[in-house]
């Protein structure tokens, strides 16, 4: 008796909305920040993978602001982050105070 192969589970695409922030960060001047929304809600493994991408591009969670903040961004940091998330298979959209490097790509 031969067993039938299991169907390969297809995961639904994960969409990340990056809501860019334009706030005063006190002594941190020139900071770049965002709050992400991920849907569907990611597993712990997927969430860790996403956070590793954020960190790789200089963003760290700021608990007081509930935002990911990069204290020393370059002009192309937002575009590089978006490209890395897209390359990892996520669907990325932008909202809020969208940085110029992203606005140029969206046009």
PDB file of N, CA and C in Angstrom:
ATOM      1  N   UNK A   1       0.838  -1.159   0.000  1.00  0.00           N
ATOM      2  CA  UNK A   1       0.000   0.000   0.000  1.00  0.00           C
ATOM      3  C   UNK A   1       0.897   1.241   0.000  1.00  0.00           C
ATOM      4  N   UNK A   2       0.644   2.120  -0.948  1.00  0.00           N
ATOM      5  CA  UNK A   2       1.443   3.339  -1.015  1.00  0.00           C
ATOM      6  C   UNK A   2       0.662   4.482  -0.394  1.00  0.00           C
ATOM      7  N   UNK A   3       1.364   5.310   0.286  1.00  0.00           N
ATOM      8  CA  UNK A   3       0.690   6.448   0.904  1.00  0.00           C
ATOM      9  C   UNK A   3       0.707   7.631  -0.049  1.00  0.00           C
ATOM     10  N   UNK A   4      -0.335   8.410   0.023  1.00  0.00           N
ATOM     11  CA  UNK A   4      -0.435   9.603  -0.801  1.00  0.00           C
ATOM     12  C   UNK A   4       0.417  10.707  -0.189  1.00  0.00           C
ATOM     13  N   UNK A   5       1.124  11.469  -1.015  1.00  0.00           N
ATOM     14  CA  UNK A   5       1.901  12.575  -0.448  1.00  0.00           C
ATOM     15  C   UNK A   5       0.965  13.633   0.122  1.00  0.00           C
ATOM     16  N   UNK A   6       1.410  14.223   1.184  1.00  0.00           N
ATOM     17  CA  UNK A   6       0.627  15.296   1.791  1.00  0.00           C
ATOM     18  C   UNK A   6       0.648  16.528   0.898  1.00  0.00           C
ATOM     19  N   UNK A   7      -0.449  17.243   0.832  1.00  0.00           N
ATOM     20  CA  UNK A   7      -0.421  18.482   0.066  1.00  0.00           C
ATOM     21  C   UNK A   7       0.492  19.487   0.757  1.00  0.00           C
ATOM     22  N   UNK A   8       1.202  20.242  -0.033  1.00  0.00           N
ATOM     23  CA  UNK A   8       2.083  21.256   0.520  1.00  0.00           C
ATOM     24  C   UNK A   8       1.222  22.407   1.018  1.00  0.00           C
ATOM     25  N   UNK A   9       1.439  22.775   2.256  1.00  0.00           N
ATOM     26  CA  UNK A   9       0.676  23.878   2.837  1.00  0.00           C
ATOM     27  C   UNK A   9       1.176  25.188   2.250  1.00  0.00           C
ATOM     28  N   UNK A  10       0.272  25.939   1.712  1.00  0.00           N
ATOM     29  CA  UNK A  10       0.667  27.242   1.194  1.00  0.00           C
ATOM     30  C   UNK A  10       0.345  28.271   2.257  1.00  0.00           C
ATOM     31  N   UNK A  11       1.310  29.107   2.532  1.00  0.00           N
ATOM     32  CA  UNK A  11       1.041  30.145   3.523  1.00  0.00           C
ATOM     33  C   UNK A  11       0.514  31.366   2.802  1.00  0.00           C
ATOM     34  N   UNK A  12      -0.407  32.017   3.432  1.00  0.00           N
ATOM     35  CA  UNK A  12      -0.944  33.225   2.829  1.00  0.00           C
ATOM     36  C   UNK A  12       0.122  34.314   2.914  1.00  0.00           C
ATOM     37  N   UNK A  13       0.152  35.195   1.949  1.00  0.00           N
ATOM     38  CA  UNK A  13       1.176  36.229   1.971  1.00  0.00           C
ATOM     39  C   UNK A  13       1.023  37.132   3.198  1.00  0.00           C
ATOM     40  N   UNK A  14       2.139  37.493   3.759  1.00  0.00           N
ATOM     41  CA  UNK A  14       2.145  38.345   4.939  1.00  0.00           C
ATOM     42  C   UNK A  14       2.356  39.784   4.487  1.00  0.00           C
ATOM     43  N   UNK A  15       1.425  40.646   4.878  1.00  0.00           N
ATOM     44  CA  UNK A  15       1.498  42.058   4.503  1.00  0.00           C
ATOM     45  C   UNK A  15       1.969  42.876   5.703  1.00  0.00           C
ATOM     46  N   UNK A  16       2.912  43.768   5.443  1.00  0.00           N
ATOM     47  CA  UNK A  16       3.419  44.653   6.484  1.00  0.00           C
ATOM     48  C   UNK A  16       3.131  46.085   6.053  1.00  0.00           C
ATOM     49  N   UNK A  17       2.409  46.802   6.893  1.00  0.00           N
ATOM     50  CA  UNK A  17       2.177  48.229   6.662  1.00  0.00           C
ATOM     51  C   UNK A  17       3.132  48.975   7.583  1.00  0.00           C
ATOM     52  N   UNK A  18       4.019  49.745   6.982  1.00  0.00           N
ATOM     53  CA  UNK A  18       4.959  50.537   7.765  1.00  0.00           C
ATOM     54  C   UNK A  18       4.383  51.942   7.873  1.00  0.00           C
ATOM     55  N   UNK A  19       3.985  52.299   9.087  1.00  0.00           N
ATOM     56  CA  UNK A  19       3.418  53.618   9.346  1.00  0.00           C
ATOM     57  C   UNK A  19       4.555  54.509   9.855  1.00  0.00           C
ATOM     58  N   UNK A  20       5.122  55.305   8.948  1.00  0.00           N
ATOM     59  CA  UNK A  20       6.265  56.156   9.270  1.00  0.00           C
ATOM     60  C   UNK A  20       5.839  57.265  10.202  1.00  0.00           C
ATOM     61  N   UNK A  21       6.694  57.590  11.161  1.00  0.00           N
ATOM     62  CA  UNK A  21       6.409  58.578  12.196  1.00  0.00           C
ATOM     63  C   UNK A  21       7.251  59.832  11.982  1.00  0.00           C
ATOM     64  N   UNK A  22       6.695  60.960  12.332  1.00  0.00           N
ATOM     65  CA  UNK A  22       7.423  62.218  12.306  1.00  0.00           C
ATOM     66  C   UNK A  22       7.171  62.895  13.642  1.00  0.00           C
ATOM     67  N   UNK A  23       7.978  62.524  14.624  1.00  0.00           N
ATOM     68  CA  UNK A  23       7.777  63.000  15.977  1.00  0.00           C
ATOM     69  C   UNK A  23       9.074  63.574  16.532  1.00  0.00           C
ATOM     70  N   UNK A  24       8.964  64.261  17.633  1.00  0.00           N
ATOM     71  CA  UNK A  24      10.126  64.771  18.330  1.00  0.00           C
ATOM     72  C   UNK A  24      10.636  63.651  19.233  1.00  0.00           C
ATOM     73  N   UNK A  25      11.895  63.283  19.075  1.00  0.00           N
ATOM     74  CA  UNK A  25      12.471  62.215  19.875  1.00  0.00           C
ATOM     75  C   UNK A  25      13.451  62.751  20.905  1.00  0.00           C
ATOM     76  N   UNK A  26      13.193  63.976  21.384  1.00  0.00           N
ATOM     77  CA  UNK A  26      14.015  64.541  22.446  1.00  0.00           C
ATOM     78  C   UNK A  26      15.431  64.792  21.987  1.00  0.00           C
ATOM     79  N   UNK A  27      16.380  64.216  22.708  1.00  0.00           N
ATOM     80  CA  UNK A  27      17.792  64.441  22.386  1.00  0.00           C
ATOM     81  C   UNK A  27      18.230  63.719  21.117  1.00  0.00           C
ATOM     82  N   UNK A  28      17.400  62.871  20.575  1.00  0.00           N
ATOM     83  CA  UNK A  28      17.739  62.144  19.356  1.00  0.00           C
ATOM     84  C   UNK A  28      17.315  63.005  18.169  1.00  0.00           C
ATOM     85  N   UNK A  29      18.268  63.614  17.498  1.00  0.00           N
ATOM     86  CA  UNK A  29      17.917  64.444  16.343  1.00  0.00           C
ATOM     87  C   UNK A  29      18.148  63.664  15.058  1.00  0.00           C
ATOM     88  N   UNK A  30      17.293  63.896  14.094  1.00  0.00           N
ATOM     89  CA  UNK A  30      17.424  63.222  12.811  1.00  0.00           C
ATOM     90  C   UNK A  30      17.014  61.762  12.829  1.00  0.00           C
ATOM     91  N   UNK A  31      16.251  61.354  13.825  1.00  0.00           N
ATOM     92  CA  UNK A  31      15.840  59.958  13.929  1.00  0.00           C
ATOM     93  C   UNK A  31      14.759  59.630  12.911  1.00  0.00           C
ATOM     94  N   UNK A  32      14.676  58.378  12.571  1.00  0.00           N
ATOM     95  CA  UNK A  32      13.658  57.868  11.660  1.00  0.00           C
ATOM     96  C   UNK A  32      12.923  56.768  12.413  1.00  0.00           C
ATOM     97  N   UNK A  33      11.597  56.796  12.381  1.00  0.00           N
ATOM     98  CA  UNK A  33      10.836  55.824  13.172  1.00  0.00           C
ATOM     99  C   UNK A  33       9.590  55.359  12.424  1.00  0.00           C
ATOM    100  N   UNK A  34       9.114  54.174  12.804  1.00  0.00           N
ATOM    101  CA  UNK A  34       7.871  53.645  12.238  1.00  0.00           C
ATOM    102  C   UNK A  34       7.217  52.698  13.217  1.00  0.00           C
ATOM    103  N   UNK A  35       5.927  52.493  12.997  1.00  0.00           N
ATOM    104  CA  UNK A  35       5.166  51.471  13.705  1.00  0.00           C
ATOM    105  C   UNK A  35       4.637  50.504  12.659  1.00  0.00           C
ATOM    106  N   UNK A  36       4.979  49.240  12.770  1.00  0.00           N
ATOM    107  CA  UNK A  36       4.507  48.273  11.784  1.00  0.00           C
ATOM    108  C   UNK A  36       3.179  47.633  12.169  1.00  0.00           C
ATOM    109  N   UNK A  37       2.432  47.244  11.159  1.00  0.00           N
ATOM    110  CA  UNK A  37       1.246  46.422  11.326  1.00  0.00           C
ATOM    111  C   UNK A  37       1.433  45.217  10.412  1.00  0.00           C
ATOM    112  N   UNK A  38       1.355  44.039  10.980  1.00  0.00           N
ATOM    113  CA  UNK A  38       1.588  42.817  10.220  1.00  0.00           C
ATOM    114  C   UNK A  38       0.303  42.004  10.191  1.00  0.00           C
ATOM    115  N   UNK A  39      -0.116  41.601   8.989  1.00  0.00           N
ATOM    116  CA  UNK A  39      -1.333  40.799   8.851  1.00  0.00           C
ATOM    117  C   UNK A  39      -1.098  39.698   7.818  1.00  0.00           C
ATOM    118  N   UNK A  40      -1.509  38.490   8.049  1.00  0.00           N
ATOM    119  CA  UNK A  40      -2.108  38.013   9.288  1.00  0.00           C
ATOM    120  C   UNK A  40      -1.080  38.029  10.413  1.00  0.00           C
ATOM    121  N   UNK A  41      -1.585  37.975  11.646  1.00  0.00           N
ATOM    122  CA  UNK A  41      -0.718  38.043  12.812  1.00  0.00           C
ATOM    123  C   UNK A  41       0.341  36.950  12.698  1.00  0.00           C
ATOM    124  N   UNK A  42       1.628  37.323  12.807  1.00  0.00           N
ATOM    125  CA  UNK A  42       2.688  36.341  12.575  1.00  0.00           C
ATOM    126  C   UNK A  42       2.914  35.393  13.748  1.00  0.00           C
ATOM    127  N   UNK A  43       3.461  34.247  13.424  1.00  0.00           N
ATOM    128  CA  UNK A  43       3.886  33.315  14.469  1.00  0.00           C
ATOM    129  C   UNK A  43       5.108  33.924  15.165  1.00  0.00           C
ATOM    130  N   UNK A  44       5.517  33.335  16.261  1.00  0.00           N
ATOM    131  CA  UNK A  44       6.697  33.832  16.965  1.00  0.00           C
ATOM    132  C   UNK A  44       7.935  33.780  16.075  1.00  0.00           C
ATOM    133  N   UNK A  45       8.054  32.717  15.295  1.00  0.00           N
ATOM    134  CA  UNK A  45       9.197  32.568  14.395  1.00  0.00           C
ATOM    135  C   UNK A  45       9.186  33.641  13.322  1.00  0.00           C
ATOM    136  N   UNK A  46       8.020  33.888  12.734  1.00  0.00           N
ATOM    137  CA  UNK A  46       7.896  34.903  11.692  1.00  0.00           C
ATOM    138  C   UNK A  46       8.153  36.287  12.268  1.00  0.00           C
ATOM    139  N   UNK A  47       7.627  36.567  13.451  1.00  0.00           N
ATOM    140  CA  UNK A  47       7.840  37.867  14.091  1.00  0.00           C
ATOM    141  C   UNK A  47       9.324  38.095  14.366  1.00  0.00           C
ATOM    142  N   UNK A  48      10.022  37.060  14.822  1.00  0.00           N
ATOM    143  CA  UNK A  48      11.462  37.179  15.077  1.00  0.00           C
ATOM    144  C   UNK A  48      12.217  37.440  13.784  1.00  0.00           C
ATOM    145  N   UNK A  49      11.797  36.814  12.712  1.00  0.00           N
ATOM    146  CA  UNK A  49      12.426  37.021  11.401  1.00  0.00           C
ATOM    147  C   UNK A  49      12.251  38.479  10.939  1.00  0.00           C
ATOM    148  N   UNK A  50      11.059  39.006  11.125  1.00  0.00           N
ATOM    149  CA  UNK A  50      10.774  40.390  10.731  1.00  0.00           C
ATOM    150  C   UNK A  50      11.613  41.352  11.565  1.00  0.00           C
ATOM    151  N   UNK A  51      11.675  41.120  12.876  1.00  0.00           N
ATOM    152  CA  UNK A  51      12.436  41.998  13.757  1.00  0.00           C
ATOM    153  C   UNK A  51      13.924  41.954  13.411  1.00  0.00           C
ATOM    154  N   UNK A  52      14.439  40.789  13.026  1.00  0.00           N
ATOM    155  CA  UNK A  52      15.846  40.703  12.623  1.00  0.00           C
ATOM    156  C   UNK A  52      16.124  41.598  11.419  1.00  0.00           C
ATOM    157  N   UNK A  53      15.180  41.674  10.498  1.00  0.00           N
ATOM    158  CA  UNK A  53      15.338  42.552   9.330  1.00  0.00           C
ATOM    159  C   UNK A  53      15.338  44.005   9.778  1.00  0.00           C
ATOM    160  N   UNK A  54      14.430  44.362  10.690  1.00  0.00           N
ATOM    161  CA  UNK A  54      14.414  45.732  11.212  1.00  0.00           C
ATOM    162  C   UNK A  54      15.767  46.074  11.837  1.00  0.00           C
ATOM    163  N   UNK A  55      16.260  45.186  12.673  1.00  0.00           N
ATOM    164  CA  UNK A  55      17.528  45.432  13.381  1.00  0.00           C
ATOM    165  C   UNK A  55      18.706  45.524  12.424  1.00  0.00           C
ATOM    166  N   UNK A  56      18.688  44.681  11.409  1.00  0.00           N
ATOM    167  CA  UNK A  56      19.773  44.695  10.421  1.00  0.00           C
ATOM    168  C   UNK A  56      19.885  46.063   9.735  1.00  0.00           C
ATOM    169  N   UNK A  57      18.785  46.793   9.712  1.00  0.00           N
ATOM    170  CA  UNK A  57      18.778  48.114   9.075  1.00  0.00           C
ATOM    171  C   UNK A  57      18.806  49.248  10.095  1.00  0.00           C
ATOM    172  N   UNK A  58      19.219  48.932  11.320  1.00  0.00           N
ATOM    173  CA  UNK A  58      19.480  49.940  12.337  1.00  0.00           C
ATOM    174  C   UNK A  58      18.298  50.357  13.186  1.00  0.00           C
ATOM    175  N   UNK A  59      17.175  49.670  13.094  1.00  0.00           N
ATOM    176  CA  UNK A  59      15.989  50.032  13.871  1.00  0.00           C
ATOM    177  C   UNK A  59      15.915  49.188  15.141  1.00  0.00           C
ATOM    178  N   UNK A  60      15.645  49.843  16.253  1.00  0.00           N
ATOM    179  CA  UNK A  60      15.474  49.150  17.525  1.00  0.00           C
ATOM    180  C   UNK A  60      14.159  49.620  18.150  1.00  0.00           C
ATOM    181  N   UNK A  61      13.521  48.733  18.890  1.00  0.00           N
ATOM    182  CA  UNK A  61      12.250  49.083  19.533  1.00  0.00           C
ATOM    183  C   UNK A  61      12.499  50.115  20.624  1.00  0.00           C
ATOM    184  N   UNK A  62      11.741  51.192  20.574  1.00  0.00           N
ATOM    185  CA  UNK A  62      11.775  52.234  21.605  1.00  0.00           C
ATOM    186  C   UNK A  62      10.489  52.056  22.407  1.00  0.00           C
ATOM    187  N   UNK A  63      10.566  51.469  23.599  1.00  0.00           N
ATOM    188  CA  UNK A  63       9.349  51.136  24.338  1.00  0.00           C
ATOM    189  C   UNK A  63       8.504  52.349  24.719  1.00  0.00           C
ATOM    190  N   UNK A  64       9.123  53.479  24.969  1.00  0.00           N
ATOM    191  CA  UNK A  64       8.363  54.670  25.338  1.00  0.00           C
ATOM    192  C   UNK A  64       7.539  55.224  24.193  1.00  0.00           C
ATOM    193  N   UNK A  65       8.002  55.021  22.975  1.00  0.00           N
ATOM    194  CA  UNK A  65       7.303  55.505  21.787  1.00  0.00           C
ATOM    195  C   UNK A  65       6.522  54.403  21.082  1.00  0.00           C
ATOM    196  N   UNK A  66       6.726  53.168  21.496  1.00  0.00           N
ATOM    197  CA  UNK A  66       6.105  52.014  20.852  1.00  0.00           C
ATOM    198  C   UNK A  66       6.365  52.052  19.348  1.00  0.00           C
ATOM    199  N   UNK A  67       7.604  52.387  19.008  1.00  0.00           N
ATOM    200  CA  UNK A  67       8.016  52.504  17.612  1.00  0.00           C
ATOM    201  C   UNK A  67       9.405  51.900  17.448  1.00  0.00           C
ATOM    202  N   UNK A  68       9.702  51.513  16.221  1.00  0.00           N
ATOM    203  CA  UNK A  68      11.063  51.133  15.886  1.00  0.00           C
ATOM    204  C   UNK A  68      11.768  52.400  15.444  1.00  0.00           C
ATOM    205  N   UNK A  69      12.915  52.713  16.071  1.00  0.00           N
ATOM    206  CA  UNK A  69      13.621  53.965  15.834  1.00  0.00           C
ATOM    207  C   UNK A  69      15.047  53.667  15.362  1.00  0.00           C
ATOM    208  N   UNK A  70      15.469  54.391  14.328  1.00  0.00           N
ATOM    209  CA  UNK A  70      16.856  54.363  13.866  1.00  0.00           C
ATOM    210  C   UNK A  70      17.410  55.741  14.172  1.00  0.00           C
ATOM    211  N   UNK A  71      18.409  55.804  15.063  1.00  0.00           N
ATOM    212  CA  UNK A  71      18.935  57.092  15.501  1.00  0.00           C
ATOM    213  C   UNK A  71      19.906  57.717  14.513  1.00  0.00           C
ATOM    214  N   UNK A  72      20.457  56.934  13.607  1.00  0.00           N
ATOM    215  CA  UNK A  72      21.424  57.461  12.647  1.00  0.00           C
ATOM    216  C   UNK A  72      21.116  56.936  11.239  1.00  0.00           C
ATOM    217  N   UNK A  73      19.955  57.278  10.705  1.00  0.00           N
ATOM    218  CA  UNK A  73      19.607  56.763   9.381  1.00  0.00           C
ATOM    219  C   UNK A  73      20.320  57.526   8.270  1.00  0.00           C
ATOM    220  N   UNK A  74      20.469  56.862   7.136  1.00  0.00           N
ATOM    221  CA  UNK A  74      20.929  57.531   5.929  1.00  0.00           C
ATOM    222  C   UNK A  74      19.686  57.816   5.088  1.00  0.00           C
ATOM    223  N   UNK A  75      19.859  58.574   4.025  1.00  0.00           N
ATOM    224  CA  UNK A  75      18.712  58.941   3.183  1.00  0.00           C
ATOM    225  C   UNK A  75      18.035  57.721   2.574  1.00  0.00           C
ATOM    226  N   UNK A  76      18.807  56.659   2.310  1.00  0.00           N
ATOM    227  CA  UNK A  76      18.218  55.486   1.664  1.00  0.00           C
ATOM    228  C   UNK A  76      17.875  54.354   2.633  1.00  0.00           C
ATOM    229  N   UNK A  77      17.971  54.585   3.936  1.00  0.00           N
ATOM    230  CA  UNK A  77      17.615  53.552   4.919  1.00  0.00           C
ATOM    231  C   UNK A  77      16.191  53.044   4.742  1.00  0.00           C
ATOM    232  N   UNK A  78      15.183  53.927   4.575  1.00  0.00           N
ATOM    233  CA  UNK A  78      13.816  53.407   4.401  1.00  0.00           C
ATOM    234  C   UNK A  78      13.664  52.526   3.157  1.00  0.00           C
ATOM    235  N   UNK A  79      14.280  52.929   2.057  1.00  0.00           N
ATOM    236  CA  UNK A  79      14.188  52.144   0.826  1.00  0.00           C
ATOM    237  C   UNK A  79      14.895  50.801   0.985  1.00  0.00           C
ATOM    238  N   UNK A  80      16.028  50.802   1.677  1.00  0.00           N
ATOM    239  CA  UNK A  80      16.750  49.547   1.904  1.00  0.00           C
ATOM    240  C   UNK A  80      15.942  48.600   2.786  1.00  0.00           C
ATOM    241  N   UNK A  81      15.288  49.141   3.810  1.00  0.00           N
ATOM    242  CA  UNK A  81      14.442  48.312   4.674  1.00  0.00           C
ATOM    243  C   UNK A  81      13.289  47.712   3.880  1.00  0.00           C
ATOM    244  N   UNK A  82      12.622  48.542   3.091  1.00  0.00           N
ATOM    245  CA  UNK A  82      11.499  48.053   2.279  1.00  0.00           C
ATOM    246  C   UNK A  82      11.956  46.990   1.292  1.00  0.00           C
ATOM    247  N   UNK A  83      13.116  47.194   0.671  1.00  0.00           N
ATOM    248  CA  UNK A  83      13.643  46.210  -0.279  1.00  0.00           C
ATOM    249  C   UNK A  83      13.978  44.892   0.413  1.00  0.00           C
ATOM    250  N   UNK A  84      14.538  44.963   1.612  1.00  0.00           N
ATOM    251  CA  UNK A  84      14.881  43.738   2.346  1.00  0.00           C
ATOM    252  C   UNK A  84      13.626  42.965   2.743  1.00  0.00           C
ATOM    253  N   UNK A  85      12.594  43.681   3.177  1.00  0.00           N
ATOM    254  CA  UNK A  85      11.343  43.004   3.542  1.00  0.00           C
ATOM    255  C   UNK A  85      10.689  42.379   2.313  1.00  0.00           C
ATOM    256  N   UNK A  86      10.712  43.087   1.199  1.00  0.00           N
ATOM    257  CA  UNK A  86      10.145  42.556  -0.045  1.00  0.00           C
ATOM    258  C   UNK A  86      10.934  41.331  -0.509  1.00  0.00           C
ATOM    259  N   UNK A  87      12.255  41.406  -0.434  1.00  0.00           N
ATOM    260  CA  UNK A  87      13.099  40.269  -0.835  1.00  0.00           C
ATOM    261  C   UNK A  87      12.847  39.052   0.052  1.00  0.00           C
ATOM    262  N   UNK A  88      12.447  39.287   1.297  1.00  0.00           N
ATOM    263  CA  UNK A  88      12.147  38.186   2.215  1.00  0.00           C
ATOM    264  C   UNK A  88      10.750  37.607   1.984  1.00  0.00           C
ATOM    265  N   UNK A  89      10.008  38.180   1.028  1.00  0.00           N
ATOM    266  CA  UNK A  89       8.711  37.623   0.673  1.00  0.00           C
ATOM    267  C   UNK A  89       7.505  38.322   1.272  1.00  0.00           C
ATOM    268  N   UNK A  90       7.704  39.458   1.890  1.00  0.00           N
ATOM    269  CA  UNK A  90       6.589  40.186   2.488  1.00  0.00           C
ATOM    270  C   UNK A  90       6.042  41.218   1.507  1.00  0.00           C
ATOM    271  N   UNK A  91       4.762  41.512   1.653  1.00  0.00           N
ATOM    272  CA  UNK A  91       4.127  42.567   0.867  1.00  0.00           C
ATOM    273  C   UNK A  91       4.203  43.822   1.729  1.00  0.00           C
ATOM    274  N   UNK A  92       4.901  44.850   1.245  1.00  0.00           N
ATOM    275  CA  UNK A  92       5.156  46.040   2.048  1.00  0.00           C
ATOM    276  C   UNK A  92       4.411  47.234   1.469  1.00  0.00           C
ATOM    277  N   UNK A  93       3.677  47.930   2.337  1.00  0.00           N
ATOM    278  CA  UNK A  93       3.055  49.199   1.959  1.00  0.00           C
ATOM    279  C   UNK A  93       3.447  50.233   3.007  1.00  0.00           C
ATOM    280  N   UNK A  94       3.329  51.490   2.635  1.00  0.00           N
ATOM    281  CA  UNK A  94       3.782  52.579   3.497  1.00  0.00           C
ATOM    282  C   UNK A  94       2.640  53.542   3.763  1.00  0.00           C
ATOM    283  N   UNK A  95       2.618  54.092   4.976  1.00  0.00           N
ATOM    284  CA  UNK A  95       1.601  55.066   5.374  1.00  0.00           C
ATOM    285  C   UNK A  95       2.251  56.084   6.295  1.00  0.00           C
ATOM    286  N   UNK A  96       1.482  57.071   6.684  1.00  0.00           N
ATOM    287  CA  UNK A  96       1.978  58.075   7.612  1.00  0.00           C
ATOM    288  C   UNK A  96       2.867  59.085   6.923  1.00  0.00           C
ATOM    289  N   UNK A  97       3.889  59.519   7.612  1.00  0.00           N
ATOM    290  CA  UNK A  97       4.832  60.514   7.106  1.00  0.00           C
ATOM    291  C   UNK A  97       5.909  59.786   6.296  1.00  0.00           C
ATOM    292  N   UNK A  98       5.586  59.446   5.070  1.00  0.00           N
ATOM    293  CA  UNK A  98       6.450  58.610   4.226  1.00  0.00           C
ATOM    294  C   UNK A  98       7.721  59.384   3.870  1.00  0.00           C
ATOM    295  N   UNK A  99       8.914  58.785   4.121  1.00  0.00           N
ATOM    296  CA  UNK A  99      10.175  59.432   3.792  1.00  0.00           C
ATOM    297  C   UNK A  99      10.327  59.667   2.285  1.00  0.00           C
ATOM    298  N   UNK A 100      11.092  60.679   1.899  1.00  0.00           N
ATOM    299  CA  UNK A 100      11.250  60.999   0.464  1.00  0.00           C
ATOM    300  C   UNK A 100      11.775  59.835  -0.376  1.00  0.00           C
ATOM    301  N   UNK A 101      12.685  59.022   0.166  1.00  0.00           N
ATOM    302  CA  UNK A 101      13.225  57.913  -0.645  1.00  0.00           C
ATOM    303  C   UNK A 101      12.150  56.887  -0.976  1.00  0.00           C
ATOM    304  N   UNK A 102      11.155  56.723  -0.117  1.00  0.00           N
ATOM    305  CA  UNK A 102      10.035  55.820  -0.382  1.00  0.00           C
ATOM    306  C   UNK A 102       9.032  56.495  -1.317  1.00  0.00           C
ATOM    307  N   UNK A 103       8.773  57.766  -1.088  1.00  0.00           N
ATOM    308  CA  UNK A 103       7.822  58.502  -1.930  1.00  0.00           C
ATOM    309  C   UNK A 103       8.254  58.491  -3.397  1.00  0.00           C
ATOM    310  N   UNK A 104       9.563  58.573  -3.637  1.00  0.00           N
ATOM    311  CA  UNK A 104      10.084  58.525  -5.012  1.00  0.00           C
ATOM    312  C   UNK A 104       9.821  57.170  -5.655  1.00  0.00           C
ATOM    313  N   UNK A 105       9.945  56.109  -4.877  1.00  0.00           N
ATOM    314  CA  UNK A 105       9.730  54.753  -5.394  1.00  0.00           C
ATOM    315  C   UNK A 105       8.237  54.551  -5.711  1.00  0.00           C
ATOM    316  N   UNK A 106       7.364  55.088  -4.863  1.00  0.00           N
ATOM    317  CA  UNK A 106       5.933  54.884  -5.024  1.00  0.00           C
ATOM    318  C   UNK A 106       5.353  55.646  -6.219  1.00  0.00           C
ATOM    319  N   UNK A 107       6.034  56.712  -6.656  1.00  0.00           N
ATOM    320  CA  UNK A 107       5.497  57.514  -7.751  1.00  0.00           C
ATOM    321  C   UNK A 107       5.621  56.809  -9.075  1.00  0.00           C
TER     322      UNK A 107
END
